[in-house]
Amino acid sequence: MFRFLRPRPLVSICIPAYDAQPFIARVLESALSQSVDDIEIIVSNDGALPTPDLQSYRKHPKIRVINQRKRLGWVANTNTVLSKARGQYFMVLPHDDLLAPTYLEACLSCLESEPDTFAAYSDIEYHGGILEASELLGTLDERISHMMENLYNGYSFRALMRRRPADWPALAMRHNPPTDCCVDTTWILQQTLLGALRRVRQPLYFKTLHETNTHASWERIPPDMLVSGWWQHCETLGMLARERTNNHTLIDRLVAHRRDPRRVIETPLFLRNAFDALYPQDLHLLNEKGEQEQSRSPSPLS
């Protein structure tokens, strides 16, 4: 009976897809063209939308297509397809981005030569330039500090990661009500809590920018909802970090720092603008002013 079981691949490429017809054929071909041959490709078609180009790959021996009859949304669909991975290593590949043929090879080389590394990823090329990825190295507290003080861009969303089943509960992406804005940024911390994140210093990943990108919709969120979502994101980072380190004083300081995204180096302009509209003054200064005024006010119990 065991002769019918498929051997486990070295790498699982997980593609959460939704309304992917304009892109999916090119994405699948870039995945199939990897110099690393021992791969499986899993596509989760959210909402089971008609995708003719995807149907033509259903019988490919390296591709598995799962139709989600009910619309899950990008976070739940990403978690679903990741949970199906069987490889020793695995990664997310959005349904509209492309890999250079040596992407997996370069990331595998990094992971296999650096046993303390949990995930590896390359610089990102896009129409108009190259985004040089940041790394998260050092001790756990050093990695947490660097991420929470500085990072926003989800370089590691498309990282090649070690698949260790015991890590999965800590790695599942967390919803961020009300809009799921910044979930990929939260995932940076979730990954680095499991080990170092290293950069391959070549642009081997190609980001496709268009009006239906998930992050493009975040720019249209009203400022009050953006602020609320960002603060929820900060609290989630704090909760996750406290589960891994006993240095709660450090985490409290980092959460307070990050609550004003204008102090985070990589914060995008639309998020800065939302805070400028509602909080023209630095939140840290506002908090200090509020504490001073409160200390001068008579106690309600006096």
Protein backbone atom coordinates (compact mmCIF):
# COMPACT_ATOMS: atom_id res chain seq x y z
CA MET A 1 0.00 0.00 0.00
CA PHE A 2 2.87 2.39 0.70
CA ARG A 3 4.00 2.42 -2.93
CA PHE A 4 1.20 4.92 -3.63
CA LEU A 5 2.57 7.53 -1.24
CA ARG A 6 4.38 10.42 -2.91
CA PRO A 7 7.90 11.09 -1.61
CA ARG A 8 8.33 14.33 0.33
CA PRO A 9 9.85 17.09 -1.82
CA LEU A 10 12.79 19.23 -0.75
CA VAL A 11 10.86 22.50 -1.23
CA SER A 12 7.18 23.43 -1.18
CA ILE A 13 6.16 26.60 -3.04
CA CYS A 14 2.81 27.76 -1.68
CA ILE A 15 0.71 30.08 -3.84
CA PRO A 16 -2.37 31.72 -2.27
CA ALA A 17 -4.36 32.79 -5.33
CA TYR A 18 -7.43 34.97 -5.81
CA ASP A 19 -8.67 36.36 -9.12
CA ALA A 20 -5.30 35.27 -10.50
CA GLN A 21 -6.06 34.69 -14.18
CA PRO A 22 -3.97 37.65 -15.48
CA PHE A 23 -0.84 36.39 -13.69
CA ILE A 24 -0.96 32.72 -12.75
CA ALA A 25 0.58 31.15 -15.86
CA ARG A 26 3.73 33.30 -15.65
CA VAL A 27 4.00 32.70 -11.91
CA LEU A 28 3.72 28.92 -12.27
CA GLU A 29 6.28 28.87 -15.07
CA SER A 30 8.74 30.86 -12.94
CA ALA A 31 8.27 28.33 -10.13
CA LEU A 32 8.67 25.36 -12.49
CA SER A 33 11.82 26.90 -13.96
CA GLN A 34 13.78 26.77 -10.69
CA SER A 35 17.26 25.25 -10.84
CA VAL A 36 16.21 23.20 -7.78
CA ASP A 37 14.18 20.38 -9.30
CA ASP A 38 12.86 18.63 -6.17
CA ILE A 39 9.83 20.83 -5.57
CA GLU A 40 6.07 20.75 -5.17
CA ILE A 41 3.80 23.69 -6.00
CA ILE A 42 0.55 24.09 -4.09
CA VAL A 43 -2.06 26.59 -5.30
CA SER A 44 -5.05 27.49 -3.16
CA ASN A 45 -7.63 29.15 -5.41
CA ASP A 46 -9.64 31.30 -3.01
CA GLY A 47 -13.34 31.40 -3.77
CA ALA A 48 -12.79 28.89 -6.60
CA LEU A 49 -12.94 31.73 -9.11
CA PRO A 50 -12.75 30.62 -12.76
CA THR A 51 -9.06 30.62 -13.69
CA PRO A 52 -8.64 28.89 -17.07
CA ASP A 53 -4.83 29.11 -17.08
CA LEU A 54 -4.72 27.39 -13.70
CA GLN A 55 -6.89 24.52 -14.90
CA SER A 56 -4.38 23.67 -17.61
CA TYR A 57 -1.77 22.87 -14.92
CA ARG A 58 -3.96 20.55 -12.85
CA LYS A 59 -2.39 17.37 -14.25
CA HIS A 60 1.21 18.57 -13.85
CA PRO A 61 3.03 16.11 -11.54
CA LYS A 62 4.58 18.90 -9.46
CA ILE A 63 1.44 21.01 -9.04
CA ARG A 64 -1.46 20.54 -6.65
CA VAL A 65 -4.52 22.83 -7.00
CA ILE A 66 -6.99 23.26 -4.15
CA ASN A 67 -10.27 25.08 -4.86
CA GLN A 68 -11.65 26.93 -1.85
CA ARG A 69 -15.37 27.04 -2.51
CA LYS A 70 -15.88 29.61 0.24
CA ARG A 71 -13.96 32.90 0.11
CA LEU A 72 -11.35 32.79 2.88
CA GLY A 73 -9.57 36.12 2.41
CA TRP A 74 -5.84 36.52 1.88
CA VAL A 75 -4.74 35.77 5.44
CA ALA A 76 -6.74 32.58 5.93
CA ASN A 77 -5.98 31.43 2.38
CA THR A 78 -2.25 31.93 2.97
CA ASN A 79 -2.44 29.94 6.21
CA THR A 80 -4.38 27.19 4.46
CA VAL A 81 -1.91 26.73 1.63
CA LEU A 82 1.08 26.87 4.00
CA SER A 83 -0.47 24.15 6.13
CA LYS A 84 -0.49 21.83 3.10
CA ALA A 85 3.28 22.04 2.56
CA ARG A 86 5.20 18.76 2.83
CA GLY A 87 8.71 19.87 1.92
CA GLN A 88 11.76 20.17 4.15
CA TYR A 89 11.66 23.88 3.24
CA PHE A 90 8.69 25.99 2.21
CA MET A 91 7.78 29.47 1.01
CA VAL A 92 4.89 31.74 0.01
CA LEU A 93 4.78 32.98 -3.57
CA PRO A 94 2.00 35.52 -4.22
CA HIS A 95 -0.02 34.79 -7.36
CA ASP A 96 1.39 37.82 -9.21
CA ASP A 97 5.14 37.75 -8.45
CA LEU A 98 8.02 36.01 -10.23
CA LEU A 99 11.17 34.16 -9.19
CA ALA A 100 14.51 34.15 -10.96
CA PRO A 101 15.56 30.57 -11.84
CA THR A 102 18.18 30.54 -9.05
CA TYR A 103 16.00 31.97 -6.26
CA LEU A 104 15.53 28.67 -4.41
CA GLU A 105 19.12 27.60 -5.01
CA ALA A 106 20.51 30.81 -3.51
CA CYS A 107 18.18 30.72 -0.49
CA LEU A 108 18.88 27.03 0.13
CA SER A 109 22.62 27.67 0.05
CA CYS A 110 22.18 30.35 2.71
CA LEU A 111 20.01 28.16 4.95
CA GLU A 112 22.24 25.11 4.68
CA SER A 113 25.40 27.06 5.47
CA GLU A 114 23.88 28.99 8.40
CA PRO A 115 22.19 26.60 10.87
CA ASP A 116 20.95 29.47 13.08
CA THR A 117 18.98 30.93 10.16
CA PHE A 118 15.24 30.27 9.99
CA ALA A 119 14.51 32.04 6.70
CA ALA A 120 16.38 33.44 3.70
CA TYR A 121 15.20 35.80 0.95
CA SER A 122 16.68 37.92 -1.80
CA ASP A 123 16.53 41.59 -2.65
CA ILE A 124 13.37 42.55 -4.54
CA GLU A 125 13.25 44.05 -8.01
CA TYR A 126 10.21 46.03 -9.09
CA HIS A 127 9.33 48.36 -11.93
CA GLY A 128 11.42 51.38 -11.04
CA GLY A 129 14.14 49.99 -8.85
CA ILE A 130 15.54 47.42 -6.44
CA LEU A 131 14.54 47.12 -2.79
CA GLU A 132 17.51 45.96 -0.73
CA ALA A 133 16.21 43.68 2.00
CA SER A 134 16.98 44.09 5.68
CA GLU A 135 18.35 41.22 7.77
CA LEU A 136 17.53 40.24 11.35
CA LEU A 137 20.59 38.76 13.04
CA GLY A 138 22.07 38.48 16.52
CA THR A 139 20.41 37.40 19.75
CA LEU A 140 16.65 37.04 20.08
CA ASP A 141 16.33 40.38 21.90
CA GLU A 142 18.54 42.09 19.30
CA ARG A 143 16.40 40.75 16.47
CA ILE A 144 13.17 41.77 18.17
CA SER A 145 14.53 45.26 18.86
CA HIS A 146 15.69 45.84 15.29
CA MET A 147 12.40 44.67 13.84
CA MET A 148 10.13 46.67 16.15
CA GLU A 149 12.18 49.86 15.94
CA ASN A 150 12.82 49.89 12.21
CA LEU A 151 11.01 47.48 9.91
CA TYR A 152 7.77 47.58 7.97
CA ASN A 153 8.47 46.14 4.51
CA GLY A 154 7.56 42.45 4.27
CA TYR A 155 10.78 41.25 2.63
CA SER A 156 10.49 37.91 4.39
CA PHE A 157 6.88 37.30 3.30
CA ARG A 158 8.37 35.42 0.35
CA ALA A 159 11.26 33.89 2.30
CA LEU A 160 12.33 30.28 2.03
CA MET A 161 11.84 28.83 5.52
CA ARG A 162 12.70 25.64 7.35
CA ARG A 163 9.60 23.50 7.75
CA ARG A 164 9.57 22.34 11.35
CA PRO A 165 6.06 21.10 12.27
CA ALA A 166 6.43 22.21 15.89
CA ASP A 167 6.87 25.82 14.67
CA TRP A 168 3.58 26.00 12.81
CA PRO A 169 1.35 27.37 15.64
CA ALA A 170 3.82 30.25 16.10
CA LEU A 171 4.06 30.89 12.36
CA ALA A 172 0.38 31.01 11.38
CA MET A 173 -0.45 34.53 10.20
CA ARG A 174 -2.55 36.61 12.61
CA HIS A 175 -5.59 38.61 11.54
CA ASN A 176 -5.41 42.35 12.25
CA PRO A 177 -8.95 43.79 12.47
CA PRO A 178 -10.58 45.64 10.92
CA THR A 179 -8.68 45.49 7.62
CA ASP A 180 -5.81 42.98 8.04
CA CYS A 181 -3.40 45.82 7.26
CA CYS A 182 0.22 45.09 8.30
CA VAL A 183 -0.28 41.32 8.74
CA ASP A 184 2.77 40.62 6.57
CA THR A 185 4.76 43.02 8.75
CA THR A 186 3.67 41.14 11.89
CA TRP A 187 4.87 37.99 10.15
CA ILE A 188 8.42 39.37 10.06
CA LEU A 189 8.48 39.22 13.85
CA GLN A 190 6.84 35.78 13.92
CA GLN A 191 9.60 34.47 11.67
CA THR A 192 12.51 36.06 13.52
CA LEU A 193 11.25 34.68 16.84
CA LEU A 194 12.15 31.28 15.32
CA GLY A 195 15.66 32.24 14.13
CA ALA A 196 17.74 34.68 12.15
CA LEU A 197 16.48 36.11 8.84
CA ARG A 198 19.18 36.45 6.19
CA ARG A 199 19.43 38.35 2.94
CA VAL A 200 20.68 36.98 -0.37
CA ARG A 201 22.36 40.02 -1.89
CA GLN A 202 20.94 39.66 -5.39
CA PRO A 203 17.57 40.78 -6.83
CA LEU A 204 16.19 37.30 -7.55
CA TYR A 205 12.57 38.13 -6.76
CA PHE A 206 10.39 40.30 -8.99
CA LYS A 207 7.46 42.18 -7.46
CA THR A 208 4.58 42.99 -9.80
CA LEU A 209 2.91 46.27 -8.89
CA HIS A 210 -0.69 46.86 -9.99
CA GLU A 211 -3.93 48.38 -8.71
CA THR A 212 -5.24 45.12 -7.25
CA ASN A 213 -2.21 44.42 -5.01
CA THR A 214 -3.39 43.72 -1.46
CA HIS A 215 -1.19 46.46 -0.03
CA ALA A 216 -2.51 48.98 -2.59
CA SER A 217 -5.95 48.77 -0.98
CA TRP A 218 -4.46 49.74 2.38
CA GLU A 219 -3.67 53.20 1.02
CA ARG A 220 -7.42 53.83 0.67
CA ILE A 221 -8.28 52.96 4.29
CA PRO A 222 -9.62 55.97 6.28
CA PRO A 223 -7.04 57.45 8.68
CA ASP A 224 -8.90 56.48 11.85
CA MET A 225 -9.08 52.85 10.75
CA LEU A 226 -5.40 52.88 9.77
CA VAL A 227 -4.43 54.23 13.19
CA SER A 228 -6.58 51.63 14.94
CA GLY A 229 -5.13 48.83 12.82
CA TRP A 230 -1.56 50.01 13.43
CA TRP A 231 -2.06 50.11 17.19
CA GLN A 232 -3.56 46.62 17.11
CA HIS A 233 -0.51 45.52 15.11
CA CYS A 234 1.80 46.98 17.79
CA GLU A 235 -0.06 45.19 20.59
CA THR A 236 0.13 41.91 18.66
CA LEU A 237 3.89 42.33 18.25
CA GLY A 238 4.20 42.90 21.98
CA MET A 239 2.13 39.83 22.82
CA LEU A 240 4.12 37.59 20.47
CA ALA A 241 7.47 38.88 21.72
CA ARG A 242 6.54 38.43 25.40
CA GLU A 243 5.76 34.78 24.69
CA ARG A 244 9.40 34.26 23.64
CA THR A 245 11.44 36.53 25.91
CA ASN A 246 11.31 37.34 29.62
CA ASN A 247 12.62 40.85 28.95
CA HIS A 248 9.20 42.47 29.26
CA THR A 249 10.69 45.87 30.10
CA LEU A 250 12.36 45.88 26.68
CA ILE A 251 9.15 44.83 24.92
CA ASP A 252 7.10 47.52 26.69
CA ARG A 253 9.59 50.14 25.52
CA LEU A 254 9.56 48.82 21.95
CA VAL A 255 5.75 48.79 21.76
CA ALA A 256 5.63 52.38 23.04
CA HIS A 257 8.23 53.39 20.44
CA ARG A 258 6.39 51.68 17.58
CA ARG A 259 2.95 53.09 18.40
CA ASP A 260 3.94 56.20 16.48
CA PRO A 261 4.91 54.80 13.05
CA ARG A 262 6.70 58.03 12.14
CA ARG A 263 9.53 56.80 14.36
CA VAL A 264 9.79 53.53 12.42
CA ILE A 265 12.34 53.92 9.61
CA GLU A 266 10.45 51.98 6.92
CA THR A 267 6.91 53.23 7.56
CA PRO A 268 5.17 54.00 4.23
CA LEU A 269 3.95 57.49 3.39
CA PHE A 270 0.23 56.65 3.55
CA LEU A 271 0.58 55.50 7.16
CA ARG A 272 2.64 58.54 8.13
CA ASN A 273 0.01 60.78 6.52
CA ALA A 274 -2.76 59.11 8.51
CA PHE A 275 -0.98 59.85 11.77
CA ASP A 276 -0.12 63.40 10.68
CA ALA A 277 -3.81 64.02 10.03
CA LEU A 278 -4.92 62.81 13.46
CA TYR A 279 -1.81 63.38 15.60
CA PRO A 280 0.32 66.25 14.23
CA GLN A 281 2.56 66.04 17.30
CA ASP A 282 4.79 63.07 18.13
CA LEU A 283 2.76 60.63 20.23
CA HIS A 284 5.60 60.28 22.74
CA LEU A 285 5.50 64.02 23.40
CA LEU A 286 1.71 63.93 23.64
CA ASN A 287 1.92 61.09 26.15
CA GLU A 288 4.49 62.99 28.22
CA LYS A 289 2.30 66.11 28.16
CA GLY A 290 -0.72 64.09 29.20
CA GLU A 291 1.16 62.51 32.09
CA GLN A 292 2.41 65.92 33.26
CA GLU A 293 -1.10 67.39 33.17
CA GLN A 294 -2.47 64.39 34.99
CA SER A 295 0.19 64.74 37.72
CA ARG A 296 -0.87 68.40 38.25
CA SER A 297 -4.57 67.56 38.41
CA PRO A 298 -6.10 66.82 41.84
CA SER A 299 -6.73 63.18 42.52
CA PRO A 300 -10.44 62.26 42.35
CA LEU A 301 -9.90 60.54 45.69
CA SER A 302 -8.35 63.55 47.43
